[in-house]
Amino acid sequence: MRKWYPIVLITATIIASVVVYPRLPDRVPTHWNMHGQVDGYGPKWMTTLLLPAVLVGIWGLMRLLPKIDPWRDNYAKMQDTYDVVVNAALTVIALAHFAVIAATLGMPIDAERVMPVGAGVLLIVIGNVLPRARPNFWFGIRTPWTLTNERVWERTHRVGGYLLVGAGILVVGSAFLPIDIAVPAAAVMAVGAALITVVYSYYAWRQETSR
């Protein structure tokens, strides 16, 4: 099922675009500011085709990258993990597409609330499966220290998983704050978790190499 899921998801976004296209005006909202107000307009093809095209591009790229990774054999050890992360990322993009279409049609959808929730759930999913990642050049916490020591890789991904789950929960919670606070708060928490993980990878490397 996980192999067919991206195809089903992409097909659903394309069908939704085809169905709503005749109902949209020639100029539609394409961007909302931090207060939920429309501050950008564009042609309706942009709203209906852009994100499905992004989905196709990301899915194709994610299928290609393992094939050109020098550590390609490690993907067989973490295929389920890799598929979960790819499918979760594609789901969030598809959710954004459906939310934008619904908002464009005048439905009571707060796109600026939906996206922090989607991003937070994505962080939680990635955090839960991250400790199962194996060394590679494309997926995971790739620092000079994790890529040169497998024990450092394992320790960093275990800690990084906890941090991402925590950050994801906080990002979901931030969606219910005032909108001018929610977006910066979500960004700070996500970036903060990433920076702490990078610093920890160096700390773990110093510990492992000093033994």
C-alpha atoms as a PDB file:
ATOM      1  CA  MET A   1       0.000   0.000   0.000  1.00  0.00           C
ATOM      2  CA  ARG A   2       2.800   2.439   0.854  1.00  0.00           C
ATOM      3  CA  LYS A   3       4.164   2.164  -2.706  1.00  0.00           C
ATOM      4  CA  TRP A   4       0.789   2.998  -4.240  1.00  0.00           C
ATOM      5  CA  TYR A   5      -0.094   5.725  -1.746  1.00  0.00           C
ATOM      6  CA  PRO A   6       1.804   8.551  -3.531  1.00  0.00           C
ATOM      7  CA  ILE A   7       0.126   7.680  -6.834  1.00  0.00           C
ATOM      8  CA  VAL A   8      -3.320   7.701  -5.211  1.00  0.00           C
ATOM      9  CA  LEU A   9      -2.559  10.989  -3.440  1.00  0.00           C
ATOM     10  CA  ILE A  10      -1.261  12.731  -6.566  1.00  0.00           C
ATOM     11  CA  THR A  11      -4.223  11.458  -8.582  1.00  0.00           C
ATOM     12  CA  ALA A  12      -6.620  12.833  -5.948  1.00  0.00           C
ATOM     13  CA  THR A  13      -5.050  16.301  -6.129  1.00  0.00           C
ATOM     14  CA  ILE A  14      -5.227  16.291  -9.940  1.00  0.00           C
ATOM     15  CA  ILE A  15      -8.876  15.187  -9.923  1.00  0.00           C
ATOM     16  CA  ALA A  16      -9.734  17.895  -7.387  1.00  0.00           C
ATOM     17  CA  SER A  17      -8.017  20.499  -9.574  1.00  0.00           C
ATOM     18  CA  VAL A  18      -9.851  19.372 -12.712  1.00  0.00           C
ATOM     19  CA  VAL A  19     -13.208  19.402 -10.925  1.00  0.00           C
ATOM     20  CA  VAL A  20     -12.871  22.893  -9.435  1.00  0.00           C
ATOM     21  CA  TYR A  21     -11.057  24.570 -12.337  1.00  0.00           C
ATOM     22  CA  PRO A  22     -14.234  25.642 -14.233  1.00  0.00           C
ATOM     23  CA  ARG A  23     -15.702  27.056 -11.014  1.00  0.00           C
ATOM     24  CA  LEU A  24     -12.776  29.386 -10.300  1.00  0.00           C
ATOM     25  CA  PRO A  25     -12.530  33.004 -11.498  1.00  0.00           C
ATOM     26  CA  ASP A  26      -9.667  33.936 -13.811  1.00  0.00           C
ATOM     27  CA  ARG A  27      -7.810  35.607 -10.931  1.00  0.00           C
ATOM     28  CA  VAL A  28      -7.683  33.781  -7.604  1.00  0.00           C
ATOM     29  CA  PRO A  29      -5.933  34.293  -4.255  1.00  0.00           C
ATOM     30  CA  THR A  30      -2.474  32.730  -4.207  1.00  0.00           C
ATOM     31  CA  HIS A  31      -1.049  34.018  -0.932  1.00  0.00           C
ATOM     32  CA  TRP A  32      -2.291  34.883   2.534  1.00  0.00           C
ATOM     33  CA  ASN A  33      -0.399  37.037   5.032  1.00  0.00           C
ATOM     34  CA  MET A  34       0.160  36.227   8.700  1.00  0.00           C
ATOM     35  CA  HIS A  35      -3.234  37.722   9.576  1.00  0.00           C
ATOM     36  CA  GLY A  36      -5.092  35.447   7.154  1.00  0.00           C
ATOM     37  CA  GLN A  37      -5.707  38.230   4.651  1.00  0.00           C
ATOM     38  CA  VAL A  38      -5.187  37.721   0.927  1.00  0.00           C
ATOM     39  CA  ASP A  39      -2.187  39.712  -0.274  1.00  0.00           C
ATOM     40  CA  GLY A  40      -1.482  38.044  -3.603  1.00  0.00           C
ATOM     41  CA  TYR A  41      -3.477  37.009  -6.681  1.00  0.00           C
ATOM     42  CA  GLY A  42      -2.606  34.984  -9.736  1.00  0.00           C
ATOM     43  CA  PRO A  43      -4.089  32.963 -12.604  1.00  0.00           C
ATOM     44  CA  LYS A  44      -6.256  30.034 -11.610  1.00  0.00           C
ATOM     45  CA  TRP A  45      -3.938  27.516 -13.255  1.00  0.00           C
ATOM     46  CA  MET A  46      -1.385  28.404 -10.591  1.00  0.00           C
ATOM     47  CA  THR A  47      -3.719  27.398  -7.773  1.00  0.00           C
ATOM     48  CA  THR A  48      -4.837  24.180  -9.444  1.00  0.00           C
ATOM     49  CA  LEU A  49      -1.605  22.931 -11.015  1.00  0.00           C
ATOM     50  CA  LEU A  50       1.332  24.201  -8.956  1.00  0.00           C
ATOM     51  CA  LEU A  51       1.134  21.931  -5.906  1.00  0.00           C
ATOM     52  CA  PRO A  52       0.228  18.764  -7.866  1.00  0.00           C
ATOM     53  CA  ALA A  53       3.309  19.471  -9.996  1.00  0.00           C
ATOM     54  CA  VAL A  54       5.375  19.903  -6.816  1.00  0.00           C
ATOM     55  CA  LEU A  55       4.047  16.556  -5.568  1.00  0.00           C
ATOM     56  CA  VAL A  56       5.107  14.811  -8.760  1.00  0.00           C
ATOM     57  CA  GLY A  57       8.535  16.442  -8.653  1.00  0.00           C
ATOM     58  CA  ILE A  58       9.218  15.578  -5.006  1.00  0.00           C
ATOM     59  CA  TRP A  59       7.991  12.000  -5.399  1.00  0.00           C
ATOM     60  CA  GLY A  60      10.185  11.486  -8.462  1.00  0.00           C
ATOM     61  CA  LEU A  61      13.184  13.001  -6.687  1.00  0.00           C
ATOM     62  CA  MET A  62      12.686  10.839  -3.593  1.00  0.00           C
ATOM     63  CA  ARG A  63      12.613   7.723  -5.770  1.00  0.00           C
ATOM     64  CA  LEU A  64      15.779   8.785  -7.601  1.00  0.00           C
ATOM     65  CA  LEU A  65      17.986   9.805  -4.676  1.00  0.00           C
ATOM     66  CA  PRO A  66      18.431   6.322  -3.126  1.00  0.00           C
ATOM     67  CA  LYS A  67      19.623   4.990  -6.480  1.00  0.00           C
ATOM     68  CA  ILE A  68      22.520   7.450  -6.661  1.00  0.00           C
ATOM     69  CA  ASP A  69      23.482   7.267  -2.978  1.00  0.00           C
ATOM     70  CA  PRO A  70      26.887   5.592  -2.376  1.00  0.00           C
ATOM     71  CA  TRP A  71      25.240   3.971   0.651  1.00  0.00           C
ATOM     72  CA  ARG A  72      22.273   2.761  -1.360  1.00  0.00           C
ATOM     73  CA  ASP A  73      22.380  -0.665   0.293  1.00  0.00           C
ATOM     74  CA  ASN A  74      21.340   0.903   3.596  1.00  0.00           C
ATOM     75  CA  TYR A  75      17.959   1.865   2.171  1.00  0.00           C
ATOM     76  CA  ALA A  76      16.939  -1.795   2.147  1.00  0.00           C
ATOM     77  CA  LYS A  77      17.401  -1.761   5.938  1.00  0.00           C
ATOM     78  CA  MET A  78      15.147   1.269   6.410  1.00  0.00           C
ATOM     79  CA  GLN A  79      12.768   1.129   3.437  1.00  0.00           C
ATOM     80  CA  ASP A  80       9.651   1.283   5.619  1.00  0.00           C
ATOM     81  CA  THR A  81      11.028   4.313   7.455  1.00  0.00           C
ATOM     82  CA  TYR A  82      11.949   6.092   4.231  1.00  0.00           C
ATOM     83  CA  ASP A  83       8.529   5.416   2.710  1.00  0.00           C
ATOM     84  CA  VAL A  84       6.731   6.698   5.808  1.00  0.00           C
ATOM     85  CA  VAL A  85       8.637   9.990   5.726  1.00  0.00           C
ATOM     86  CA  VAL A  86       8.125  10.489   1.981  1.00  0.00           C
ATOM     87  CA  ASN A  87       4.420   9.696   2.202  1.00  0.00           C
ATOM     88  CA  ALA A  88       3.956  11.972   5.222  1.00  0.00           C
ATOM     89  CA  ALA A  89       5.654  14.878   3.436  1.00  0.00           C
ATOM     90  CA  LEU A  90       3.531  14.341   0.328  1.00  0.00           C
ATOM     91  CA  THR A  91       0.400  14.237   2.489  1.00  0.00           C
ATOM     92  CA  VAL A  92       1.156  17.628   4.025  1.00  0.00           C
ATOM     93  CA  ILE A  93       1.660  19.172   0.566  1.00  0.00           C
ATOM     94  CA  ALA A  94      -1.596  17.611  -0.652  1.00  0.00           C
ATOM     95  CA  LEU A  95      -3.353  18.938   2.457  1.00  0.00           C
ATOM     96  CA  ALA A  96      -2.086  22.417   1.590  1.00  0.00           C
ATOM     97  CA  HIS A  97      -3.454  22.012  -1.947  1.00  0.00           C
ATOM     98  CA  PHE A  98      -6.911  21.002  -0.737  1.00  0.00           C
ATOM     99  CA  ALA A  99      -6.943  23.797   1.858  1.00  0.00           C
ATOM    100  CA  VAL A 100      -6.021  26.444  -0.725  1.00  0.00           C
ATOM    101  CA  ILE A 101      -8.691  25.208  -3.141  1.00  0.00           C
ATOM    102  CA  ALA A 102     -11.314  25.190  -0.391  1.00  0.00           C
ATOM    103  CA  ALA A 103     -10.370  28.710   0.723  1.00  0.00           C
ATOM    104  CA  THR A 104     -10.445  29.926  -2.889  1.00  0.00           C
ATOM    105  CA  LEU A 105     -13.973  28.554  -3.277  1.00  0.00           C
ATOM    106  CA  GLY A 106     -15.041  30.513  -0.207  1.00  0.00           C
ATOM    107  CA  MET A 107     -15.270  27.594   2.205  1.00  0.00           C
ATOM    108  CA  PRO A 108     -14.629  28.378   5.904  1.00  0.00           C
ATOM    109  CA  ILE A 109     -11.083  26.987   5.891  1.00  0.00           C
ATOM    110  CA  ASP A 110      -8.329  28.747   7.832  1.00  0.00           C
ATOM    111  CA  ALA A 111      -5.361  27.781   5.676  1.00  0.00           C
ATOM    112  CA  GLU A 112      -3.029  29.619   8.033  1.00  0.00           C
ATOM    113  CA  ARG A 113      -4.197  27.290  10.831  1.00  0.00           C
ATOM    114  CA  VAL A 114      -4.204  24.108   8.805  1.00  0.00           C
ATOM    115  CA  MET A 115      -0.566  24.354   7.740  1.00  0.00           C
ATOM    116  CA  PRO A 116       0.998  24.605  11.237  1.00  0.00           C
ATOM    117  CA  VAL A 117      -1.031  21.556  12.262  1.00  0.00           C
ATOM    118  CA  GLY A 118       0.137  19.683   9.163  1.00  0.00           C
ATOM    119  CA  ALA A 119       3.743  20.720   9.706  1.00  0.00           C
ATOM    120  CA  GLY A 120       3.598  19.722  13.369  1.00  0.00           C
ATOM    121  CA  VAL A 121       2.159  16.298  12.601  1.00  0.00           C
ATOM    122  CA  LEU A 122       4.875  15.823   9.966  1.00  0.00           C
ATOM    123  CA  LEU A 123       7.569  16.564  12.577  1.00  0.00           C
ATOM    124  CA  ILE A 124       5.957  14.069  14.964  1.00  0.00           C
ATOM    125  CA  VAL A 125       5.887  11.356  12.297  1.00  0.00           C
ATOM    126  CA  ILE A 126       9.500  11.988  11.271  1.00  0.00           C
ATOM    127  CA  GLY A 127      10.617  12.070  14.905  1.00  0.00           C
ATOM    128  CA  ASN A 128       9.021   8.710  15.605  1.00  0.00           C
ATOM    129  CA  VAL A 129      10.744   6.908  12.735  1.00  0.00           C
ATOM    130  CA  LEU A 130      14.032   8.843  12.694  1.00  0.00           C
ATOM    131  CA  PRO A 131      15.909   6.487  15.066  1.00  0.00           C
ATOM    132  CA  ARG A 132      15.435   3.696  12.499  1.00  0.00           C
ATOM    133  CA  ALA A 133      17.309   5.609   9.779  1.00  0.00           C
ATOM    134  CA  ARG A 134      20.639   4.211   8.622  1.00  0.00           C
ATOM    135  CA  PRO A 135      23.655   6.210   7.368  1.00  0.00           C
ATOM    136  CA  ASN A 136      23.089   7.736   3.937  1.00  0.00           C
ATOM    137  CA  PHE A 137      23.647  11.009   2.086  1.00  0.00           C
ATOM    138  CA  TRP A 138      20.042  12.161   1.605  1.00  0.00           C
ATOM    139  CA  PHE A 139      17.811  11.305   4.547  1.00  0.00           C
ATOM    140  CA  GLY A 140      18.315  12.014   8.223  1.00  0.00           C
ATOM    141  CA  ILE A 141      20.628  14.206  10.289  1.00  0.00           C
ATOM    142  CA  ARG A 142      23.677  14.449   8.055  1.00  0.00           C
ATOM    143  CA  THR A 143      26.514  16.302   9.739  1.00  0.00           C
ATOM    144  CA  PRO A 144      30.281  15.768   9.390  1.00  0.00           C
ATOM    145  CA  TRP A 145      30.139  13.877  12.695  1.00  0.00           C
ATOM    146  CA  THR A 146      27.203  11.553  12.012  1.00  0.00           C
ATOM    147  CA  LEU A 147      28.505  10.644   8.556  1.00  0.00           C
ATOM    148  CA  THR A 148      31.915   9.571   9.875  1.00  0.00           C
ATOM    149  CA  ASN A 149      30.844   7.511  12.874  1.00  0.00           C
ATOM    150  CA  GLU A 150      27.941   5.052  12.876  1.00  0.00           C
ATOM    151  CA  ARG A 151      27.601   5.168  16.657  1.00  0.00           C
ATOM    152  CA  VAL A 152      27.326   8.961  16.520  1.00  0.00           C
ATOM    153  CA  TRP A 153      24.693   8.581  13.786  1.00  0.00           C
ATOM    154  CA  GLU A 154      22.622   6.266  16.006  1.00  0.00           C
ATOM    155  CA  ARG A 155      22.882   8.461  19.097  1.00  0.00           C
ATOM    156  CA  THR A 156      22.100  11.656  17.214  1.00  0.00           C
ATOM    157  CA  HIS A 157      19.059  10.198  15.482  1.00  0.00           C
ATOM    158  CA  ARG A 158      17.688   8.860  18.739  1.00  0.00           C
ATOM    159  CA  VAL A 159      17.977  12.272  20.409  1.00  0.00           C
ATOM    160  CA  GLY A 160      16.836  14.053  17.253  1.00  0.00           C
ATOM    161  CA  GLY A 161      13.728  11.880  17.172  1.00  0.00           C
ATOM    162  CA  TYR A 162      12.728  12.965  20.673  1.00  0.00           C
ATOM    163  CA  LEU A 163      13.380  16.616  19.844  1.00  0.00           C
ATOM    164  CA  LEU A 164      11.344  16.508  16.631  1.00  0.00           C
ATOM    165  CA  VAL A 165       8.391  14.859  18.352  1.00  0.00           C
ATOM    166  CA  GLY A 166       8.485  17.510  21.064  1.00  0.00           C
ATOM    167  CA  ALA A 167       8.811  20.310  18.525  1.00  0.00           C
ATOM    168  CA  GLY A 168       5.957  18.832  16.493  1.00  0.00           C
ATOM    169  CA  ILE A 169       3.629  18.800  19.495  1.00  0.00           C
ATOM    170  CA  LEU A 170       4.489  22.426  20.235  1.00  0.00           C
ATOM    171  CA  VAL A 171       4.009  23.413  16.584  1.00  0.00           C
ATOM    172  CA  VAL A 172       0.540  21.822  16.554  1.00  0.00           C
ATOM    173  CA  GLY A 173      -0.292  23.712  19.725  1.00  0.00           C
ATOM    174  CA  SER A 174       0.976  26.969  18.220  1.00  0.00           C
ATOM    175  CA  ALA A 175      -1.698  26.742  15.522  1.00  0.00           C
ATOM    176  CA  PHE A 176      -4.246  27.814  18.129  1.00  0.00           C
ATOM    177  CA  LEU A 177      -2.320  30.922  19.148  1.00  0.00           C
ATOM    178  CA  PRO A 178      -2.960  34.343  17.553  1.00  0.00           C
ATOM    179  CA  ILE A 179      -1.871  33.998  13.944  1.00  0.00           C
ATOM    180  CA  ASP A 180       0.853  36.661  14.113  1.00  0.00           C
ATOM    181  CA  ILE A 181       2.464  34.584  16.888  1.00  0.00           C
ATOM    182  CA  ALA A 182       1.749  31.092  15.570  1.00  0.00           C
ATOM    183  CA  VAL A 183       3.917  31.185  12.435  1.00  0.00           C
ATOM    184  CA  PRO A 184       7.076  32.655  14.041  1.00  0.00           C
ATOM    185  CA  ALA A 185       6.653  30.345  17.050  1.00  0.00           C
ATOM    186  CA  ALA A 186       6.394  27.275  14.816  1.00  0.00           C
ATOM    187  CA  ALA A 187       9.475  28.314  12.845  1.00  0.00           C
ATOM    188  CA  VAL A 188      11.517  28.961  15.999  1.00  0.00           C
ATOM    189  CA  MET A 189      10.618  25.579  17.494  1.00  0.00           C
ATOM    190  CA  ALA A 190      11.406  23.629  14.326  1.00  0.00           C
ATOM    191  CA  VAL A 191      14.710  25.430  13.731  1.00  0.00           C
ATOM    192  CA  GLY A 192      15.601  25.180  17.413  1.00  0.00           C
ATOM    193  CA  ALA A 193      15.153  21.395  17.406  1.00  0.00           C
ATOM    194  CA  ALA A 194      17.341  21.117  14.307  1.00  0.00           C
ATOM    195  CA  LEU A 195      20.123  23.273  15.766  1.00  0.00           C
ATOM    196  CA  ILE A 196      20.165  21.420  19.076  1.00  0.00           C
ATOM    197  CA  THR A 197      20.427  18.131  17.191  1.00  0.00           C
ATOM    198  CA  VAL A 198      23.396  19.384  15.150  1.00  0.00           C
ATOM    199  CA  VAL A 199      25.175  20.557  18.301  1.00  0.00           C
ATOM    200  CA  TYR A 200      24.478  17.217  19.975  1.00  0.00           C
ATOM    201  CA  SER A 201      25.983  15.339  17.023  1.00  0.00           C
ATOM    202  CA  TYR A 202      29.278  17.149  17.654  1.00  0.00           C
ATOM    203  CA  TYR A 203      29.062  16.432  21.370  1.00  0.00           C
ATOM    204  CA  ALA A 204      28.426  12.732  20.701  1.00  0.00           C
ATOM    205  CA  TRP A 205      31.316  12.630  18.242  1.00  0.00           C
ATOM    206  CA  ARG A 206      33.673  14.129  20.816  1.00  0.00           C
ATOM    207  CA  GLN A 207      32.562  11.513  23.329  1.00  0.00           C
ATOM    208  CA  GLU A 208      32.906   8.580  20.945  1.00  0.00           C
ATOM    209  CA  THR A 209      36.281   9.578  19.541  1.00  0.00           C
ATOM    210  CA  SER A 210      37.771  10.255  22.961  1.00  0.00           C
ATOM    211  CA  ARG A 211      37.120   6.715  24.123  1.00  0.00           C
END
